[in-house]
N, C-alpha and C. Protein backbone atom coordinates (compact mmCIF):
# COMPACT_ATOMS: atom_id res chain seq x y z
N MET A 1 37.15 -61.43 -60.41
CA MET A 1 36.91 -61.75 -61.51
C MET A 1 37.08 -60.64 -62.42
N PRO A 2 38.02 -60.26 -63.99
CA PRO A 2 38.31 -59.12 -64.12
C PRO A 2 37.14 -58.34 -64.90
N PRO A 3 37.18 -56.83 -65.65
CA PRO A 3 35.55 -56.39 -65.66
C PRO A 3 36.24 -57.09 -67.86
N THR A 4 34.86 -57.01 -67.84
CA THR A 4 35.02 -58.14 -69.05
C THR A 4 33.76 -56.92 -70.07
N GLY A 5 33.73 -55.82 -70.21
CA GLY A 5 33.90 -55.09 -70.68
C GLY A 5 33.49 -52.85 -70.55
N VAL A 6 32.84 -52.30 -71.13
CA VAL A 6 33.25 -50.96 -71.30
C VAL A 6 32.42 -50.47 -69.61
N ALA A 7 31.75 -50.53 -69.45
CA ALA A 7 30.68 -50.71 -67.80
C ALA A 7 31.54 -51.18 -67.02
N GLU A 8 31.42 -52.17 -67.19
CA GLU A 8 32.27 -52.65 -65.71
C GLU A 8 33.84 -52.41 -65.44
N ALA A 9 34.30 -52.37 -66.67
CA ALA A 9 35.93 -51.24 -66.56
C ALA A 9 36.18 -49.63 -66.09
N ILE A 10 35.34 -48.69 -66.24
CA ILE A 10 34.27 -47.83 -65.75
C ILE A 10 34.26 -47.59 -63.95
N LYS A 11 33.33 -48.60 -63.59
CA LYS A 11 33.64 -49.19 -61.90
C LYS A 11 34.80 -49.53 -61.19
N LEU A 12 35.53 -49.96 -62.05
CA LEU A 12 37.05 -50.29 -61.32
C LEU A 12 37.48 -49.19 -61.03
N PRO A 13 37.67 -47.87 -60.70
CA PRO A 13 38.40 -47.23 -59.99
C PRO A 13 37.21 -46.94 -59.09
N ASP A 14 36.23 -47.35 -58.59
CA ASP A 14 35.31 -47.55 -57.57
C ASP A 14 35.52 -48.35 -56.71
N SER A 15 35.86 -48.74 -57.39
CA SER A 15 36.39 -50.54 -56.72
C SER A 15 37.23 -50.21 -56.07
N ALA A 16 38.63 -49.62 -56.70
CA ALA A 16 39.18 -49.29 -56.24
C ALA A 16 40.12 -48.70 -55.18
N LEU A 17 38.66 -47.14 -55.35
CA LEU A 17 39.05 -46.13 -54.30
C LEU A 17 37.74 -47.00 -52.89
N ALA A 18 37.11 -48.34 -53.35
CA ALA A 18 36.77 -48.92 -52.37
C ALA A 18 37.60 -49.11 -50.71
N ILE A 19 39.21 -49.79 -51.32
CA ILE A 19 40.05 -50.44 -51.03
C ILE A 19 41.05 -48.88 -50.94
N VAL A 20 41.66 -47.94 -51.54
CA VAL A 20 42.13 -47.04 -50.69
C VAL A 20 41.73 -46.02 -49.32
N LYS A 21 40.64 -46.06 -49.68
CA LYS A 21 39.59 -45.67 -48.75
C LYS A 21 38.91 -46.57 -47.24
N ASP A 22 39.23 -47.31 -47.10
CA ASP A 22 39.42 -48.41 -46.41
C ASP A 22 37.77 -48.41 -46.27
N VAL A 23 36.99 -49.08 -46.36
CA VAL A 23 35.84 -48.54 -46.10
C VAL A 23 35.31 -49.88 -45.83
N GLY A 24 34.23 -50.78 -44.73
CA GLY A 24 33.41 -52.27 -44.41
C GLY A 24 34.74 -52.34 -44.45
N ARG A 25 36.05 -52.42 -42.60
CA ARG A 25 36.19 -53.17 -42.08
C ARG A 25 35.80 -54.24 -41.69
N THR A 26 36.31 -54.59 -42.30
CA THR A 26 35.75 -56.24 -41.55
C THR A 26 36.68 -57.49 -41.51
N PHE A 27 36.47 -59.06 -40.72
CA PHE A 27 37.79 -59.18 -40.30
C PHE A 27 38.11 -59.55 -42.00
N HIS A 28 37.69 -59.89 -43.24
CA HIS A 28 38.13 -60.49 -44.89
C HIS A 28 38.34 -59.17 -45.63
N CYS A 29 38.93 -58.21 -44.72
CA CYS A 29 39.00 -56.91 -45.73
C CYS A 29 40.49 -56.76 -46.32
N TYR A 30 40.70 -55.85 -46.19
CA TYR A 30 41.89 -55.27 -46.22
C TYR A 30 42.98 -54.03 -46.05
N HIS A 31 43.55 -54.51 -44.68
CA HIS A 31 43.93 -54.33 -43.51
C HIS A 31 45.16 -54.12 -43.73
N GLY A 32 45.72 -52.67 -43.33
CA GLY A 32 47.01 -52.57 -43.77
C GLY A 32 47.08 -51.88 -44.97
N LEU A 33 48.63 -50.96 -45.18
CA LEU A 33 49.17 -50.51 -46.91
C LEU A 33 49.14 -51.24 -48.00
N GLY A 34 49.70 -52.05 -47.45
CA GLY A 34 49.76 -53.04 -48.09
C GLY A 34 49.08 -52.82 -50.17
N PRO A 35 47.21 -53.00 -49.44
CA PRO A 35 46.27 -53.29 -50.88
C PRO A 35 46.91 -51.54 -51.33
N GLN A 36 46.43 -50.38 -49.93
CA GLN A 36 46.39 -49.26 -50.32
C GLN A 36 47.70 -49.02 -51.56
N THR A 37 48.85 -49.29 -51.55
CA THR A 37 49.97 -48.69 -52.22
C THR A 37 50.11 -49.19 -52.57
N ASN A 38 49.54 -50.95 -53.17
CA ASN A 38 49.62 -50.83 -54.21
C ASN A 38 48.26 -49.70 -55.32
N VAL A 39 46.72 -49.64 -54.76
CA VAL A 39 45.81 -49.32 -55.58
C VAL A 39 46.89 -47.96 -56.19
N ILE A 40 46.92 -47.59 -55.02
CA ILE A 40 47.95 -46.07 -55.70
C ILE A 40 48.73 -46.17 -56.43
N GLU A 41 49.82 -46.67 -56.97
CA GLU A 41 50.73 -46.55 -57.84
C GLU A 41 50.37 -47.39 -59.11
N ILE A 42 49.13 -48.10 -59.34
CA ILE A 42 48.77 -48.66 -60.74
C ILE A 42 47.32 -47.03 -60.84
N PHE A 43 47.16 -46.22 -59.84
CA PHE A 43 45.98 -44.99 -60.21
C PHE A 43 47.71 -43.93 -60.74
N ALA A 44 48.69 -44.15 -60.11
CA ALA A 44 49.25 -42.86 -60.95
C ALA A 44 49.88 -43.51 -62.31
N LYS A 45 50.65 -45.06 -62.37
CA LYS A 45 50.53 -45.24 -63.12
C LYS A 45 50.02 -45.41 -64.33
N PHE A 46 48.47 -45.37 -63.98
CA PHE A 46 47.36 -45.32 -65.84
C PHE A 46 47.08 -43.27 -65.36
N ASN A 47 46.85 -43.17 -64.84
CA ASN A 47 47.01 -41.24 -64.66
C ASN A 47 45.43 -41.40 -64.45
N ILE A 48 44.63 -42.00 -63.25
CA ILE A 48 43.61 -42.18 -63.25
C ILE A 48 42.95 -40.61 -62.49
N GLU A 49 42.40 -39.92 -62.79
CA GLU A 49 41.58 -39.00 -62.10
C GLU A 49 41.41 -39.54 -60.88
N GLY A 50 41.77 -38.62 -58.84
CA GLY A 50 41.04 -38.84 -58.28
C GLY A 50 42.41 -39.28 -57.61
N GLY A 51 43.13 -40.18 -58.34
CA GLY A 51 44.61 -40.69 -57.07
C GLY A 51 45.41 -40.09 -56.85
N LEU A 52 45.18 -38.45 -57.49
CA LEU A 52 45.83 -37.63 -56.34
C LEU A 52 45.93 -37.01 -54.95
N GLU A 53 44.01 -37.31 -54.82
CA GLU A 53 43.34 -36.74 -53.38
C GLU A 53 43.42 -38.76 -52.73
N VAL A 54 44.32 -38.80 -53.14
CA VAL A 54 43.58 -40.18 -52.12
C VAL A 54 45.07 -40.93 -51.52
N VAL A 55 45.89 -40.08 -52.43
CA VAL A 55 47.49 -40.13 -52.25
C VAL A 55 47.91 -38.99 -50.79
N PHE A 56 47.19 -38.47 -51.09
CA PHE A 56 47.45 -37.49 -49.08
C PHE A 56 46.67 -38.01 -47.82
N LYS A 57 45.04 -39.24 -48.77
CA LYS A 57 45.20 -39.18 -48.04
C LYS A 57 45.89 -40.89 -47.27
N ILE A 58 46.39 -41.77 -47.69
CA ILE A 58 47.98 -41.92 -46.70
C ILE A 58 48.82 -41.99 -45.81
N LEU A 59 49.25 -39.96 -45.55
CA LEU A 59 49.69 -39.38 -44.33
C LEU A 59 49.27 -40.23 -43.65
N GLU A 60 47.81 -39.95 -43.56
CA GLU A 60 46.39 -39.98 -42.53
C GLU A 60 46.32 -41.07 -41.99
N SER A 61 46.98 -41.72 -42.12
CA SER A 61 46.40 -43.59 -41.71
C SER A 61 47.52 -43.95 -40.86
N PRO A 62 46.76 -44.37 -39.74
CA PRO A 62 47.02 -44.88 -38.62
C PRO A 62 48.07 -45.80 -38.78
N GLU A 63 48.41 -46.52 -40.07
CA GLU A 63 49.65 -48.26 -40.10
C GLU A 63 50.59 -47.61 -40.69
N GLY A 64 51.57 -48.30 -40.83
CA GLY A 64 52.63 -47.72 -41.61
C GLY A 64 53.34 -46.42 -40.67
N LYS A 65 54.61 -46.98 -41.36
CA LYS A 65 55.71 -46.45 -41.19
C LYS A 65 56.36 -44.64 -41.75
N ALA A 66 56.51 -43.53 -41.19
CA ALA A 66 56.40 -42.27 -42.02
C ALA A 66 57.50 -42.34 -42.63
N GLY A 67 58.54 -43.07 -43.10
CA GLY A 67 59.64 -43.13 -43.75
C GLY A 67 59.48 -43.90 -45.52
N PHE A 68 57.91 -44.54 -45.21
CA PHE A 68 57.41 -45.24 -46.06
C PHE A 68 55.98 -45.17 -46.65
N LYS A 69 55.74 -44.05 -46.06
CA LYS A 69 54.08 -43.26 -46.99
C LYS A 69 55.09 -42.41 -47.66
N LEU A 70 56.28 -41.45 -46.64
CA LEU A 70 56.82 -40.33 -47.54
C LEU A 70 57.61 -41.51 -49.28
N HIS A 71 57.80 -42.61 -48.91
CA HIS A 71 58.74 -42.90 -50.53
C HIS A 71 57.52 -43.29 -51.56
N LEU A 72 56.33 -43.98 -51.05
CA LEU A 72 55.03 -43.75 -51.75
C LEU A 72 54.59 -42.60 -52.75
N LEU A 73 55.19 -41.94 -51.27
CA LEU A 73 53.73 -40.36 -52.49
C LEU A 73 55.54 -39.97 -53.34
N MET A 74 55.92 -39.93 -52.61
CA MET A 74 57.63 -40.04 -53.65
C MET A 74 57.84 -40.23 -55.27
N SER A 75 56.95 -41.55 -55.70
CA SER A 75 57.38 -42.61 -56.31
C SER A 75 56.43 -42.51 -56.85
N VAL A 76 54.97 -41.90 -56.83
CA VAL A 76 54.14 -41.77 -56.74
C VAL A 76 53.04 -40.29 -57.53
N PHE A 77 54.21 -39.29 -57.05
CA PHE A 77 53.62 -37.46 -57.29
C PHE A 77 54.48 -37.57 -58.99
N PRO A 78 55.56 -37.81 -58.81
CA PRO A 78 56.29 -37.93 -60.13
C PRO A 78 55.74 -38.21 -61.49
N ASN A 79 54.29 -38.85 -61.14
CA ASN A 79 54.15 -39.80 -62.34
C ASN A 79 52.64 -39.11 -63.10
N TYR A 80 51.84 -38.40 -62.23
CA TYR A 80 51.59 -37.19 -62.76
C TYR A 80 52.11 -36.29 -63.94
N GLY A 81 53.28 -36.17 -63.62
CA GLY A 81 53.23 -34.61 -64.02
C GLY A 81 52.96 -33.10 -63.71
N GLU A 82 52.44 -32.56 -64.98
CA GLU A 82 52.07 -31.76 -64.92
C GLU A 82 50.47 -31.57 -64.01
N ASN A 83 50.63 -32.81 -64.41
CA ASN A 83 48.87 -32.58 -64.06
C ASN A 83 48.99 -32.62 -62.80
N ALA A 84 49.34 -33.10 -61.61
CA ALA A 84 50.29 -32.48 -60.25
C ALA A 84 50.58 -31.57 -59.62
N LYS A 85 50.32 -30.42 -60.53
CA LYS A 85 51.28 -28.93 -60.58
C LYS A 85 50.24 -28.20 -59.27
N TYR A 86 48.71 -28.52 -60.20
CA TYR A 86 47.77 -28.00 -59.13
C TYR A 86 47.76 -28.13 -57.26
N ALA A 87 47.99 -30.01 -56.90
CA ALA A 87 48.58 -30.07 -55.69
C ALA A 87 49.89 -29.86 -55.06
N LEU A 88 50.74 -29.07 -55.86
CA LEU A 88 51.87 -28.27 -55.62
C LEU A 88 52.53 -27.78 -54.10
N PRO A 89 51.06 -26.63 -53.44
CA PRO A 89 51.19 -26.36 -52.48
C PRO A 89 50.82 -26.98 -51.25
N LYS A 90 50.17 -28.19 -51.86
CA LYS A 90 49.98 -29.25 -50.04
C LYS A 90 50.94 -29.79 -50.46
N ILE A 91 51.65 -30.19 -51.92
CA ILE A 91 52.61 -31.27 -51.29
C ILE A 91 53.92 -30.39 -50.73
N LYS A 92 54.17 -29.01 -51.21
CA LYS A 92 55.59 -28.20 -50.44
C LYS A 92 54.74 -28.55 -49.00
N ALA A 93 53.92 -28.60 -49.01
CA ALA A 93 53.81 -27.91 -46.96
C ALA A 93 53.66 -29.35 -46.25
N ILE A 94 54.24 -30.15 -46.78
CA ILE A 94 54.51 -31.14 -45.78
C ILE A 94 56.26 -31.11 -45.89
N LYS A 95 55.92 -31.65 -44.45
CA LYS A 95 57.13 -31.76 -43.45
C LYS A 95 57.68 -33.38 -43.67
N ALA A 96 58.59 -32.87 -44.58
CA ALA A 96 59.97 -34.82 -45.12
C ALA A 96 60.29 -35.57 -43.99
N GLY A 97 61.02 -34.48 -42.87
CA GLY A 97 62.42 -34.62 -42.53
C GLY A 97 63.47 -34.74 -43.04
N LYS A 98 63.74 -36.55 -42.24
CA LYS A 98 64.91 -36.92 -43.30
C LYS A 98 65.58 -37.01 -44.77
N PHE A 99 64.05 -37.16 -44.84
CA PHE A 99 63.67 -37.61 -46.48
C PHE A 99 63.34 -35.63 -47.48
N GLN A 100 63.58 -34.66 -46.37
CA GLN A 100 63.34 -32.76 -47.50
C GLN A 100 64.06 -33.57 -48.94
N ARG A 101 65.08 -33.02 -48.86
CA ARG A 101 67.12 -33.08 -49.91
C ARG A 101 65.17 -33.95 -51.30
N GLU A 102 65.33 -35.08 -51.01
CA GLU A 102 64.42 -35.73 -52.23
C GLU A 102 63.72 -35.41 -52.05
N TRP A 103 62.81 -35.31 -51.22
CA TRP A 103 60.93 -34.44 -51.67
C TRP A 103 62.03 -32.79 -52.56
N ASP A 104 62.64 -32.69 -51.41
CA ASP A 104 62.13 -30.66 -52.63
C ASP A 104 62.80 -31.42 -53.71
N ALA A 105 62.88 -32.12 -54.17
CA ALA A 105 63.77 -32.92 -55.61
C ALA A 105 62.65 -32.79 -56.94
N MET A 106 61.71 -33.56 -55.43
CA MET A 106 60.60 -34.29 -56.18
C MET A 106 59.60 -33.33 -56.69
N ILE A 107 59.55 -32.20 -55.43
CA ILE A 107 59.01 -31.01 -56.31
C ILE A 107 59.29 -30.22 -57.46
N LYS A 108 60.61 -29.83 -57.94
CA LYS A 108 61.04 -29.52 -59.08
C LYS A 108 60.37 -30.41 -59.53
N GLU A 109 60.90 -31.24 -60.16
CA GLU A 109 60.90 -32.36 -60.54
C GLU A 109 59.38 -31.76 -61.79
N ILE A 110 58.28 -32.01 -60.09
CA ILE A 110 56.72 -31.67 -60.91
C ILE A 110 56.78 -30.45 -61.10
N ALA A 111 57.84 -29.44 -60.93
CA ALA A 111 57.22 -27.88 -61.08
C ALA A 111 57.62 -27.57 -62.92
N ALA A 112 58.46 -28.58 -62.87
CA ALA A 112 58.90 -28.21 -64.37
C ALA A 112 58.49 -29.53 -65.39
N SER A 113 57.79 -30.40 -65.38
CA SER A 113 57.17 -31.04 -66.26
C SER A 113 56.36 -30.68 -67.09
N SER A 114 56.05 -31.04 -68.26
CA SER A 114 55.63 -30.31 -69.14
C SER A 114 54.70 -31.40 -70.21
N GLY A 115 53.71 -31.17 -70.34
CA GLY A 115 52.52 -31.83 -70.80
C GLY A 115 51.30 -33.39 -70.74
N LYS A 116 50.86 -31.88 -70.29
CA LYS A 116 49.21 -32.57 -69.51
C LYS A 116 48.86 -33.18 -70.18
N GLU A 117 49.02 -34.56 -69.46
CA GLU A 117 48.24 -35.49 -70.10
C GLU A 117 47.01 -35.95 -69.71
N LYS A 118 45.48 -36.18 -70.68
CA LYS A 118 43.98 -36.18 -69.96
C LYS A 118 44.05 -37.38 -68.67
N MET A 119 43.74 -36.65 -67.38
CA MET A 119 43.13 -38.13 -66.79
C MET A 119 42.40 -39.08 -67.68
N ARG A 120 42.21 -40.41 -66.97
CA ARG A 120 41.59 -40.54 -67.43
C ARG A 120 40.60 -41.25 -66.53
N TYR A 121 39.18 -42.03 -66.60
CA TYR A 121 37.96 -42.24 -66.03
C TYR A 121 37.63 -40.90 -65.17
């Protein structure tokens, strides 16, 4: 059921974080990276605070292939623009293998971004 008011809408990021953190794994929980990927993309699209931290957790997941994870990160990090600059040392430390050229281009895009938008929630 969608949030009906401000109080419920503020709880939405917490509910989404539960999906990303993959807590409460039971047979009907959100297995795999699909739901986590969707939540991460929503966090990035709406510039939700805490989204950058959970993006890094995708790399630690035993599920999914490295290439798909790296492409997710390359599509998400630039959406944060200048807000992602504080994470540049951690982003630069990631070795992207055969995707290194695209990874380096993404780093340059983040470094050149301006116009810091206020993080939500």
